[in-house]
Structures are given as structure tokens and as C-alpha cells.
């Protein structure tokens, strides 16, 4: 462990469980992620599907904020995928 055995990690969460509004539910016997951003509109498959369904104009972007991590007394952007 990079921080060493004496490291103390504190997780702060406004909700009564880790993950806030994001969570997994059982739907027809399969796990299904739901919440504020249940799917990623940045992936090309989602906008294509929404366009096919005639729902492209219904996409709601709740915020322009990017995901961040607070560590070592500073806040940094989460690394982008490769």
C-alpha cells in the first residue's frame, strides 16, 4: 500500500450509502445501474441509439462539472480513459 499501514482514509458521503444517487437495482433478474448519470452520453453508442429512438433532443446534461478526486489536500481531475 503506497500510503503505508498507518494511513487513515475517510470517505464522506451525503447519502445514507456510498455512491450517492448512483446505485444498482435488480431489473428482471439482472443488475442495472441507475441514477444521475445511468449512461454515458459521451460514448457514440448512446447518442446513436437516442437518435434512432427520436430522443436525441431529450438528453439532459445536469452539470458541466468533471469528476474529481480529493487527495493530499488538493482536488484534481479524475484521469481520462484511454
N, C-alpha and C. Protein backbone atom coordinates (compact mmCIF):
# COMPACT_ATOMS: atom_id res chain seq x y z
N UNK A 1 0.85 -1.18 0.00
CA UNK A 1 0.00 0.00 0.00
C UNK A 1 0.89 1.24 0.00
N UNK A 2 0.67 2.14 -0.92
CA UNK A 2 1.54 3.29 -1.08
C UNK A 2 1.52 4.24 0.12
N UNK A 3 0.39 4.33 0.79
CA UNK A 3 0.28 5.26 1.92
C UNK A 3 0.81 4.67 3.22
N UNK A 4 1.05 3.40 3.25
CA UNK A 4 1.57 2.76 4.45
C UNK A 4 0.46 2.25 5.35
N UNK A 5 0.81 1.36 6.29
CA UNK A 5 -0.20 0.73 7.14
C UNK A 5 -0.87 1.67 8.13
N UNK A 6 -0.26 2.82 8.40
CA UNK A 6 -0.85 3.75 9.36
C UNK A 6 -1.80 4.75 8.70
N UNK A 7 -1.96 4.67 7.39
CA UNK A 7 -2.82 5.61 6.66
C UNK A 7 -4.27 5.46 7.10
N UNK A 8 -4.94 6.58 7.22
CA UNK A 8 -6.37 6.58 7.54
C UNK A 8 -7.10 7.22 6.37
N UNK A 9 -8.05 6.51 5.82
CA UNK A 9 -8.82 7.02 4.69
C UNK A 9 -10.24 7.30 5.17
N UNK A 10 -10.71 8.51 4.93
CA UNK A 10 -12.04 8.93 5.34
C UNK A 10 -12.87 9.18 4.09
N UNK A 11 -14.03 8.53 4.02
CA UNK A 11 -14.94 8.72 2.89
C UNK A 11 -16.14 9.52 3.40
N UNK A 12 -16.40 10.65 2.76
CA UNK A 12 -17.55 11.47 3.14
C UNK A 12 -18.63 11.30 2.09
N UNK A 13 -19.84 11.05 2.53
CA UNK A 13 -20.95 10.84 1.61
C UNK A 13 -22.20 11.48 2.19
N UNK A 14 -22.88 12.27 1.38
CA UNK A 14 -24.08 12.95 1.83
C UNK A 14 -25.25 11.98 2.01
N UNK A 15 -25.30 10.94 1.21
CA UNK A 15 -26.40 9.98 1.26
C UNK A 15 -26.16 8.95 2.36
N UNK A 16 -27.14 8.06 2.55
CA UNK A 16 -27.02 7.03 3.57
C UNK A 16 -26.22 5.82 3.10
N UNK A 17 -25.66 5.90 1.88
CA UNK A 17 -24.82 4.82 1.36
C UNK A 17 -23.79 5.41 0.41
N UNK A 18 -22.71 4.71 0.21
CA UNK A 18 -21.67 5.14 -0.72
C UNK A 18 -22.24 5.18 -2.14
N UNK A 19 -21.93 6.22 -2.89
CA UNK A 19 -22.36 6.31 -4.28
C UNK A 19 -23.41 7.37 -4.54
N UNK A 20 -23.98 7.95 -3.48
CA UNK A 20 -24.98 9.00 -3.67
C UNK A 20 -26.20 8.50 -4.41
N UNK A 21 -26.61 9.23 -5.45
CA UNK A 21 -27.82 8.85 -6.19
C UNK A 21 -27.57 7.70 -7.16
N UNK A 22 -26.30 7.39 -7.41
CA UNK A 22 -25.99 6.28 -8.30
C UNK A 22 -26.08 4.98 -7.54
N UNK A 23 -26.78 4.00 -8.10
CA UNK A 23 -26.87 2.69 -7.46
C UNK A 23 -27.33 1.65 -8.48
N UNK A 24 -27.29 0.41 -8.07
CA UNK A 24 -27.67 -0.70 -8.93
C UNK A 24 -28.97 -1.30 -8.41
N UNK A 25 -29.90 -1.54 -9.32
CA UNK A 25 -31.16 -2.18 -8.96
C UNK A 25 -31.29 -3.49 -9.73
N UNK A 26 -32.16 -4.35 -9.24
CA UNK A 26 -32.46 -5.59 -9.94
C UNK A 26 -33.60 -5.34 -10.91
N UNK A 27 -33.38 -5.63 -12.19
CA UNK A 27 -34.40 -5.45 -13.21
C UNK A 27 -34.50 -6.75 -13.99
N UNK A 28 -35.61 -7.45 -13.80
CA UNK A 28 -35.83 -8.73 -14.46
C UNK A 28 -34.69 -9.71 -14.20
N UNK A 29 -34.20 -9.68 -12.94
CA UNK A 29 -33.15 -10.62 -12.56
C UNK A 29 -31.74 -10.23 -12.97
N UNK A 30 -31.58 -9.03 -13.52
CA UNK A 30 -30.26 -8.55 -13.95
C UNK A 30 -29.92 -7.25 -13.23
N UNK A 31 -28.65 -7.05 -12.87
CA UNK A 31 -28.27 -5.77 -12.26
C UNK A 31 -28.31 -4.65 -13.31
N UNK A 32 -28.82 -3.50 -12.91
CA UNK A 32 -28.98 -2.37 -13.82
C UNK A 32 -28.59 -1.10 -13.07
N UNK A 33 -27.62 -0.35 -13.60
CA UNK A 33 -27.18 0.88 -12.95
C UNK A 33 -28.16 2.00 -13.24
N UNK A 34 -28.57 2.73 -12.20
CA UNK A 34 -29.47 3.87 -12.34
C UNK A 34 -28.93 5.04 -11.53
N UNK A 35 -29.41 6.22 -11.82
CA UNK A 35 -29.00 7.39 -11.05
C UNK A 35 -28.84 8.60 -11.94
N UNK A 36 -28.11 9.57 -11.44
CA UNK A 36 -27.95 10.85 -12.13
C UNK A 36 -27.37 10.67 -13.53
N UNK A 37 -26.42 9.78 -13.68
CA UNK A 37 -25.84 9.51 -14.99
C UNK A 37 -25.80 8.00 -15.18
N UNK A 38 -26.96 7.43 -15.47
CA UNK A 38 -27.05 5.99 -15.61
C UNK A 38 -26.39 5.49 -16.88
N UNK A 39 -26.14 6.37 -17.85
CA UNK A 39 -25.41 6.00 -19.05
C UNK A 39 -24.51 7.17 -19.47
N UNK A 40 -23.51 6.86 -20.23
CA UNK A 40 -22.57 7.87 -20.66
C UNK A 40 -22.91 8.34 -22.06
N UNK A 41 -23.35 9.57 -22.18
CA UNK A 41 -23.69 10.13 -23.49
C UNK A 41 -22.44 10.42 -24.30
N UNK A 42 -21.26 10.35 -23.67
CA UNK A 42 -20.01 10.59 -24.39
C UNK A 42 -19.64 9.41 -25.28
N UNK A 43 -20.18 8.24 -25.00
CA UNK A 43 -19.93 7.07 -25.85
C UNK A 43 -20.77 7.21 -27.11
N UNK A 44 -20.26 6.85 -28.27
CA UNK A 44 -21.03 7.04 -29.51
C UNK A 44 -22.29 6.19 -29.60
N UNK A 45 -22.33 5.06 -28.91
CA UNK A 45 -23.49 4.17 -29.00
C UNK A 45 -24.75 4.81 -28.41
N UNK A 46 -24.60 5.55 -27.33
CA UNK A 46 -25.78 6.13 -26.68
C UNK A 46 -26.41 7.23 -27.53
N UNK A 47 -25.67 8.23 -28.01
CA UNK A 47 -26.31 9.21 -28.89
C UNK A 47 -26.92 8.58 -30.14
N UNK A 48 -26.28 7.57 -30.69
CA UNK A 48 -26.82 6.90 -31.88
C UNK A 48 -28.15 6.23 -31.55
N UNK A 49 -28.22 5.55 -30.42
CA UNK A 49 -29.47 4.91 -30.01
C UNK A 49 -30.56 5.95 -29.76
N UNK A 50 -30.22 7.02 -29.06
CA UNK A 50 -31.22 8.06 -28.79
C UNK A 50 -31.72 8.70 -30.08
N UNK A 51 -30.83 8.91 -31.05
CA UNK A 51 -31.25 9.46 -32.34
C UNK A 51 -32.20 8.49 -33.05
N UNK A 52 -31.86 7.20 -33.00
CA UNK A 52 -32.71 6.19 -33.63
C UNK A 52 -34.10 6.15 -33.00
N UNK A 53 -34.16 6.39 -31.70
CA UNK A 53 -35.43 6.37 -30.98
C UNK A 53 -36.16 7.71 -31.04
N UNK A 54 -35.53 8.72 -31.66
CA UNK A 54 -36.14 10.04 -31.72
C UNK A 54 -36.05 10.79 -30.41
N UNK A 55 -35.08 10.44 -29.57
CA UNK A 55 -34.97 11.06 -28.24
C UNK A 55 -33.72 11.92 -28.08
N UNK A 56 -32.99 12.19 -29.16
CA UNK A 56 -31.73 12.93 -29.05
C UNK A 56 -31.92 14.29 -28.40
N UNK A 57 -33.04 14.93 -28.65
CA UNK A 57 -33.28 16.27 -28.08
C UNK A 57 -33.63 16.21 -26.59
N UNK A 58 -33.81 15.02 -26.06
CA UNK A 58 -34.22 14.87 -24.65
C UNK A 58 -33.04 14.70 -23.69
N UNK A 59 -31.83 14.63 -24.21
CA UNK A 59 -30.66 14.46 -23.33
C UNK A 59 -30.54 15.68 -22.42
N UNK A 60 -30.36 15.43 -21.13
CA UNK A 60 -30.18 16.49 -20.15
C UNK A 60 -28.78 16.35 -19.58
N UNK A 61 -28.02 17.41 -19.66
CA UNK A 61 -26.69 17.44 -19.06
C UNK A 61 -26.80 18.23 -17.76
N UNK A 62 -26.80 17.53 -16.61
CA UNK A 62 -27.08 18.20 -15.35
C UNK A 62 -26.01 19.22 -14.94
N UNK A 63 -24.79 19.03 -15.38
CA UNK A 63 -23.73 19.94 -14.98
C UNK A 63 -22.56 19.79 -15.93
N UNK A 64 -21.78 20.84 -16.02
CA UNK A 64 -20.56 20.77 -16.82
C UNK A 64 -19.37 20.32 -15.97
N UNK A 65 -19.62 20.08 -14.70
CA UNK A 65 -18.53 19.69 -13.78
C UNK A 65 -17.95 18.35 -14.18
N UNK A 66 -16.66 18.23 -14.03
CA UNK A 66 -15.97 16.97 -14.31
C UNK A 66 -15.77 16.24 -12.99
N UNK A 67 -15.65 14.91 -13.03
CA UNK A 67 -15.39 14.16 -11.80
C UNK A 67 -14.00 14.50 -11.27
N UNK A 68 -13.90 14.62 -9.95
CA UNK A 68 -12.62 14.96 -9.32
C UNK A 68 -12.33 14.02 -8.17
N UNK A 69 -11.09 14.04 -7.74
CA UNK A 69 -10.64 13.27 -6.58
C UNK A 69 -9.97 14.25 -5.62
N UNK A 70 -10.27 14.14 -4.35
CA UNK A 70 -9.63 14.96 -3.33
C UNK A 70 -8.61 14.08 -2.63
N UNK A 71 -7.34 14.44 -2.74
CA UNK A 71 -6.27 13.64 -2.13
C UNK A 71 -5.09 14.55 -1.83
N UNK A 72 -4.43 14.28 -0.73
CA UNK A 72 -3.24 15.04 -0.38
C UNK A 72 -3.50 16.52 -0.20
N UNK A 73 -4.70 16.88 0.23
CA UNK A 73 -5.02 18.28 0.47
C UNK A 73 -5.33 19.08 -0.78
N UNK A 74 -5.49 18.41 -1.91
CA UNK A 74 -5.84 19.14 -3.13
C UNK A 74 -6.85 18.35 -3.94
N UNK A 75 -7.58 19.03 -4.80
CA UNK A 75 -8.56 18.41 -5.67
C UNK A 75 -8.02 18.39 -7.10
N UNK A 76 -8.07 17.22 -7.71
CA UNK A 76 -7.56 17.07 -9.08
C UNK A 76 -8.60 16.37 -9.93
N UNK A 77 -8.56 16.62 -11.24
CA UNK A 77 -9.47 15.93 -12.16
C UNK A 77 -9.18 14.45 -12.17
N UNK A 78 -10.23 13.64 -12.31
CA UNK A 78 -10.02 12.20 -12.47
C UNK A 78 -9.34 11.99 -13.82
N UNK A 79 -8.45 11.01 -13.88
CA UNK A 79 -7.79 10.74 -15.17
C UNK A 79 -8.81 10.32 -16.22
N UNK A 80 -8.59 10.75 -17.46
CA UNK A 80 -9.47 10.35 -18.56
C UNK A 80 -9.12 8.94 -18.98
N UNK A 81 -10.10 8.22 -19.53
CA UNK A 81 -9.87 6.88 -20.04
C UNK A 81 -8.96 6.90 -21.24
N UNK A 82 -8.42 5.77 -21.56
CA UNK A 82 -7.50 5.70 -22.70
C UNK A 82 -8.22 5.30 -23.94
